[in-house]
Amino acid sequence: MAYQSRKRNYKSQREKYQRTTRNIRTIILFLIIAAAVWVFKNRYEIWPDLNTWFQ
């Protein structure tokens, strides 16, 4: 059987989509964690603003 370099690295649309969605989910997870850390670090500055908006 002959060597076919063009088929060796073929990825279907489903595999590309799965890779993209996994990367997006990872990025969103780290953004949520970073936002939670930022809110926790600045909680004393954020709390008065929330009180003025919701009271």
PDB file of N, CA and C in Angstrom:
ATOM      1  N   MET A   1       0.843  -1.179   0.000  1.00  0.00           N
ATOM      2  CA  MET A   1       0.000   0.000   0.000  1.00  0.00           C
ATOM      3  C   MET A   1       0.890   1.244   0.000  1.00  0.00           C
ATOM      4  N   ALA A   2       0.534   2.186  -0.818  1.00  0.00           N
ATOM      5  CA  ALA A   2       1.335   3.399  -0.957  1.00  0.00           C
ATOM      6  C   ALA A   2       1.099   4.352   0.210  1.00  0.00           C
ATOM      7  N   TYR A   3       2.111   5.144   0.505  1.00  0.00           N
ATOM      8  CA  TYR A   3       2.013   6.151   1.581  1.00  0.00           C
ATOM      9  C   TYR A   3       1.219   7.345   1.073  1.00  0.00           C
ATOM     10  N   GLN A   4       0.217   7.752   1.836  1.00  0.00           N
ATOM     11  CA  GLN A   4      -0.610   8.889   1.431  1.00  0.00           C
ATOM     12  C   GLN A   4      -0.525   9.957   2.507  1.00  0.00           C
ATOM     13  N   SER A   5       0.282  10.948   2.275  1.00  0.00           N
ATOM     14  CA  SER A   5       0.501  11.972   3.291  1.00  0.00           C
ATOM     15  C   SER A   5      -0.724  12.863   3.470  1.00  0.00           C
ATOM     16  N   ARG A   6      -1.534  12.995   2.450  1.00  0.00           N
ATOM     17  CA  ARG A   6      -2.674  13.905   2.562  1.00  0.00           C
ATOM     18  C   ARG A   6      -3.779  13.347   3.449  1.00  0.00           C
ATOM     19  N   LYS A   7      -3.814  12.055   3.688  1.00  0.00           N
ATOM     20  CA  LYS A   7      -4.856  11.469   4.528  1.00  0.00           C
ATOM     21  C   LYS A   7      -4.376  11.200   5.950  1.00  0.00           C
ATOM     22  N   ARG A   8      -3.095  11.319   6.178  1.00  0.00           N
ATOM     23  CA  ARG A   8      -2.546  10.971   7.490  1.00  0.00           C
ATOM     24  C   ARG A   8      -3.055  11.898   8.583  1.00  0.00           C
ATOM     25  N   ASN A   9      -3.093  13.205   8.323  1.00  0.00           N
ATOM     26  CA  ASN A   9      -3.495  14.172   9.344  1.00  0.00           C
ATOM     27  C   ASN A   9      -4.915  14.675   9.157  1.00  0.00           C
ATOM     28  N   TYR A  10      -5.742  13.916   8.469  1.00  0.00           N
ATOM     29  CA  TYR A  10      -7.117  14.348   8.212  1.00  0.00           C
ATOM     30  C   TYR A  10      -7.914  14.355   9.500  1.00  0.00           C
ATOM     31  N   LYS A  11      -8.652  15.429   9.696  1.00  0.00           N
ATOM     32  CA  LYS A  11      -9.559  15.533  10.837  1.00  0.00           C
ATOM     33  C   LYS A  11     -10.935  15.889  10.294  1.00  0.00           C
ATOM     34  N   SER A  12     -11.945  15.160  10.737  1.00  0.00           N
ATOM     35  CA  SER A  12     -13.297  15.412  10.261  1.00  0.00           C
ATOM     36  C   SER A  12     -13.836  16.700  10.901  1.00  0.00           C
ATOM     37  N   GLN A  13     -14.928  17.170  10.354  1.00  0.00           N
ATOM     38  CA  GLN A  13     -15.558  18.369  10.907  1.00  0.00           C
ATOM     39  C   GLN A  13     -15.994  18.142  12.349  1.00  0.00           C
ATOM     40  N   ARG A  14     -16.454  16.932  12.653  1.00  0.00           N
ATOM     41  CA  ARG A  14     -16.873  16.613  14.024  1.00  0.00           C
ATOM     42  C   ARG A  14     -15.689  16.704  14.986  1.00  0.00           C
ATOM     43  N   GLU A  15     -14.527  16.188  14.582  1.00  0.00           N
ATOM     44  CA  GLU A  15     -13.340  16.249  15.443  1.00  0.00           C
ATOM     45  C   GLU A  15     -12.875  17.693  15.633  1.00  0.00           C
ATOM     46  N   LYS A  16     -12.928  18.485  14.588  1.00  0.00           N
ATOM     47  CA  LYS A  16     -12.556  19.902  14.706  1.00  0.00           C
ATOM     48  C   LYS A  16     -13.524  20.635  15.635  1.00  0.00           C
ATOM     49  N   TYR A  17     -14.814  20.348  15.498  1.00  0.00           N
ATOM     50  CA  TYR A  17     -15.822  20.990  16.337  1.00  0.00           C
ATOM     51  C   TYR A  17     -15.637  20.594  17.799  1.00  0.00           C
ATOM     52  N   GLN A  18     -15.371  19.310  18.047  1.00  0.00           N
ATOM     53  CA  GLN A  18     -15.159  18.855  19.423  1.00  0.00           C
ATOM     54  C   GLN A  18     -13.933  19.511  20.043  1.00  0.00           C
ATOM     55  N   ARG A  19     -12.857  19.648  19.265  1.00  0.00           N
ATOM     56  CA  ARG A  19     -11.656  20.310  19.772  1.00  0.00           C
ATOM     57  C   ARG A  19     -11.928  21.775  20.079  1.00  0.00           C
ATOM     58  N   THR A  20     -12.671  22.436  19.196  1.00  0.00           N
ATOM     59  CA  THR A  20     -12.989  23.846  19.404  1.00  0.00           C
ATOM     60  C   THR A  20     -13.858  24.040  20.634  1.00  0.00           C
ATOM     61  N   THR A  21     -14.895  23.213  20.787  1.00  0.00           N
ATOM     62  CA  THR A  21     -15.772  23.360  21.953  1.00  0.00           C
ATOM     63  C   THR A  21     -15.027  23.058  23.248  1.00  0.00           C
ATOM     64  N   ARG A  22     -14.108  22.077  23.227  1.00  0.00           N
ATOM     65  CA  ARG A  22     -13.323  21.783  24.434  1.00  0.00           C
ATOM     66  C   ARG A  22     -12.433  22.965  24.801  1.00  0.00           C
ATOM     67  N   ASN A  23     -11.817  23.599  23.798  1.00  0.00           N
ATOM     68  CA  ASN A  23     -10.975  24.764  24.063  1.00  0.00           C
ATOM     69  C   ASN A  23     -11.802  25.925  24.588  1.00  0.00           C
ATOM     70  N   ILE A  24     -12.975  26.150  24.018  1.00  0.00           N
ATOM     71  CA  ILE A  24     -13.834  27.246  24.469  1.00  0.00           C
ATOM     72  C   ILE A  24     -14.293  27.006  25.898  1.00  0.00           C
ATOM     73  N   ARG A  25     -14.672  25.754  26.214  1.00  0.00           N
ATOM     74  CA  ARG A  25     -15.087  25.455  27.586  1.00  0.00           C
ATOM     75  C   ARG A  25     -13.954  25.671  28.581  1.00  0.00           C
ATOM     76  N   THR A  26     -12.738  25.318  28.200  1.00  0.00           N
ATOM     77  CA  THR A  26     -11.584  25.525  29.079  1.00  0.00           C
ATOM     78  C   THR A  26     -11.346  27.015  29.307  1.00  0.00           C
ATOM     79  N   ILE A  27     -11.412  27.804  28.254  1.00  0.00           N
ATOM     80  CA  ILE A  27     -11.214  29.249  28.373  1.00  0.00           C
ATOM     81  C   ILE A  27     -12.288  29.868  29.250  1.00  0.00           C
ATOM     82  N   ILE A  28     -13.550  29.471  29.044  1.00  0.00           N
ATOM     83  CA  ILE A  28     -14.648  30.017  29.855  1.00  0.00           C
ATOM     84  C   ILE A  28     -14.480  29.637  31.316  1.00  0.00           C
ATOM     85  N   LEU A  29     -14.054  28.406  31.587  1.00  0.00           N
ATOM     86  CA  LEU A  29     -13.837  27.976  32.966  1.00  0.00           C
ATOM     87  C   LEU A  29     -12.779  28.836  33.649  1.00  0.00           C
ATOM     88  N   PHE A  30     -11.658  29.081  32.971  1.00  0.00           N
ATOM     89  CA  PHE A  30     -10.609  29.903  33.574  1.00  0.00           C
ATOM     90  C   PHE A  30     -11.053  31.356  33.729  1.00  0.00           C
ATOM     91  N   LEU A  31     -11.865  31.864  32.806  1.00  0.00           N
ATOM     92  CA  LEU A  31     -12.391  33.224  32.955  1.00  0.00           C
ATOM     93  C   LEU A  31     -13.320  33.329  34.156  1.00  0.00           C
ATOM     94  N   ILE A  32     -14.150  32.321  34.381  1.00  0.00           N
ATOM     95  CA  ILE A  32     -15.041  32.327  35.545  1.00  0.00           C
ATOM     96  C   ILE A  32     -14.233  32.276  36.837  1.00  0.00           C
ATOM     97  N   ILE A  33     -13.197  31.438  36.857  1.00  0.00           N
ATOM     98  CA  ILE A  33     -12.351  31.358  38.050  1.00  0.00           C
ATOM     99  C   ILE A  33     -11.641  32.690  38.295  1.00  0.00           C
ATOM    100  N   ALA A  34     -11.123  33.305  37.232  1.00  0.00           N
ATOM    101  CA  ALA A  34     -10.443  34.595  37.377  1.00  0.00           C
ATOM    102  C   ALA A  34     -11.409  35.668  37.859  1.00  0.00           C
ATOM    103  N   ALA A  35     -12.635  35.668  37.357  1.00  0.00           N
ATOM    104  CA  ALA A  35     -13.628  36.652  37.800  1.00  0.00           C
ATOM    105  C   ALA A  35     -13.984  36.433  39.270  1.00  0.00           C
ATOM    106  N   ALA A  36     -14.093  35.178  39.684  1.00  0.00           N
ATOM    107  CA  ALA A  36     -14.398  34.896  41.094  1.00  0.00           C
ATOM    108  C   ALA A  36     -13.266  35.365  42.005  1.00  0.00           C
ATOM    109  N   VAL A  37     -12.032  35.153  41.589  1.00  0.00           N
ATOM    110  CA  VAL A  37     -10.886  35.615  42.387  1.00  0.00           C
ATOM    111  C   VAL A  37     -10.874  37.135  42.442  1.00  0.00           C
ATOM    112  N   TRP A  38     -11.152  37.788  41.302  1.00  0.00           N
ATOM    113  CA  TRP A  38     -11.163  39.254  41.266  1.00  0.00           C
ATOM    114  C   TRP A  38     -12.258  39.812  42.171  1.00  0.00           C
ATOM    115  N   VAL A  39     -13.447  39.215  42.140  1.00  0.00           N
ATOM    116  CA  VAL A  39     -14.537  39.670  43.010  1.00  0.00           C
ATOM    117  C   VAL A  39     -14.179  39.452  44.471  1.00  0.00           C
ATOM    118  N   PHE A  40     -13.568  38.315  44.785  1.00  0.00           N
ATOM    119  CA  PHE A  40     -13.189  38.059  46.173  1.00  0.00           C
ATOM    120  C   PHE A  40     -12.147  39.053  46.662  1.00  0.00           C
ATOM    121  N   LYS A  41     -11.184  39.396  45.794  1.00  0.00           N
ATOM    122  CA  LYS A  41     -10.151  40.350  46.201  1.00  0.00           C
ATOM    123  C   LYS A  41     -10.716  41.758  46.377  1.00  0.00           C
ATOM    124  N   ASN A  42     -11.720  42.130  45.595  1.00  0.00           N
ATOM    125  CA  ASN A  42     -12.274  43.479  45.635  1.00  0.00           C
ATOM    126  C   ASN A  42     -13.650  43.526  46.288  1.00  0.00           C
ATOM    127  N   ARG A  43     -13.953  42.561  47.155  1.00  0.00           N
ATOM    128  CA  ARG A  43     -15.292  42.483  47.725  1.00  0.00           C
ATOM    129  C   ARG A  43     -15.652  43.693  48.586  1.00  0.00           C
ATOM    130  N   TYR A  44     -14.675  44.298  49.237  1.00  0.00           N
ATOM    131  CA  TYR A  44     -14.973  45.457  50.082  1.00  0.00           C
ATOM    132  C   TYR A  44     -15.225  46.710  49.251  1.00  0.00           C
ATOM    133  N   GLU A  45     -14.755  46.737  48.024  1.00  0.00           N
ATOM    134  CA  GLU A  45     -15.033  47.867  47.131  1.00  0.00           C
ATOM    135  C   GLU A  45     -16.321  47.650  46.355  1.00  0.00           C
ATOM    136  N   ILE A  46     -16.671  46.411  46.105  1.00  0.00           N
ATOM    137  CA  ILE A  46     -17.857  46.093  45.309  1.00  0.00           C
ATOM    138  C   ILE A  46     -19.127  46.129  46.160  1.00  0.00           C
ATOM    139  N   TRP A  47     -19.041  45.720  47.414  1.00  0.00           N
ATOM    140  CA  TRP A  47     -20.215  45.596  48.273  1.00  0.00           C
ATOM    141  C   TRP A  47     -20.997  46.903  48.426  1.00  0.00           C
ATOM    142  N   PRO A  48     -20.375  48.058  48.665  1.00  0.00           N
ATOM    143  CA  PRO A  48     -21.166  49.291  48.773  1.00  0.00           C
ATOM    144  C   PRO A  48     -21.903  49.639  47.470  1.00  0.00           C
ATOM    145  N   ASP A  49     -21.284  49.379  46.326  1.00  0.00           N
ATOM    146  CA  ASP A  49     -21.973  49.629  45.060  1.00  0.00           C
ATOM    147  C   ASP A  49     -23.189  48.753  44.901  1.00  0.00           C
ATOM    148  N   LEU A  50     -23.080  47.491  45.276  1.00  0.00           N
ATOM    149  CA  LEU A  50     -24.230  46.592  45.186  1.00  0.00           C
ATOM    150  C   LEU A  50     -25.345  47.037  46.138  1.00  0.00           C
ATOM    151  N   ASN A  51     -24.955  47.519  47.307  1.00  0.00           N
ATOM    152  CA  ASN A  51     -25.974  47.992  48.251  1.00  0.00           C
ATOM    153  C   ASN A  51     -26.709  49.216  47.715  1.00  0.00           C
ATOM    154  N   THR A  52     -26.029  50.120  47.060  1.00  0.00           N
ATOM    155  CA  THR A  52     -26.721  51.296  46.536  1.00  0.00           C
ATOM    156  C   THR A  52     -27.619  50.940  45.351  1.00  0.00           C
ATOM    157  N   TRP A  53     -27.259  49.944  44.574  1.00  0.00           N
ATOM    158  CA  TRP A  53     -28.079  49.567  43.414  1.00  0.00           C
ATOM    159  C   TRP A  53     -29.333  48.808  43.825  1.00  0.00           C
ATOM    160  N   PHE A  54     -29.248  47.974  44.857  1.00  0.00           N
ATOM    161  CA  PHE A  54     -30.356  47.079  45.174  1.00  0.00           C
ATOM    162  C   PHE A  54     -31.139  47.477  46.429  1.00  0.00           C
ATOM    163  N   GLN A  55     -30.904  48.684  46.940  1.00  0.00           N
ATOM    164  CA  GLN A  55     -31.696  49.126  48.083  1.00  0.00           C
ATOM    165  C   GLN A  55     -32.420  50.397  47.784  1.00  0.00           C
TER     166      GLN A  55
END
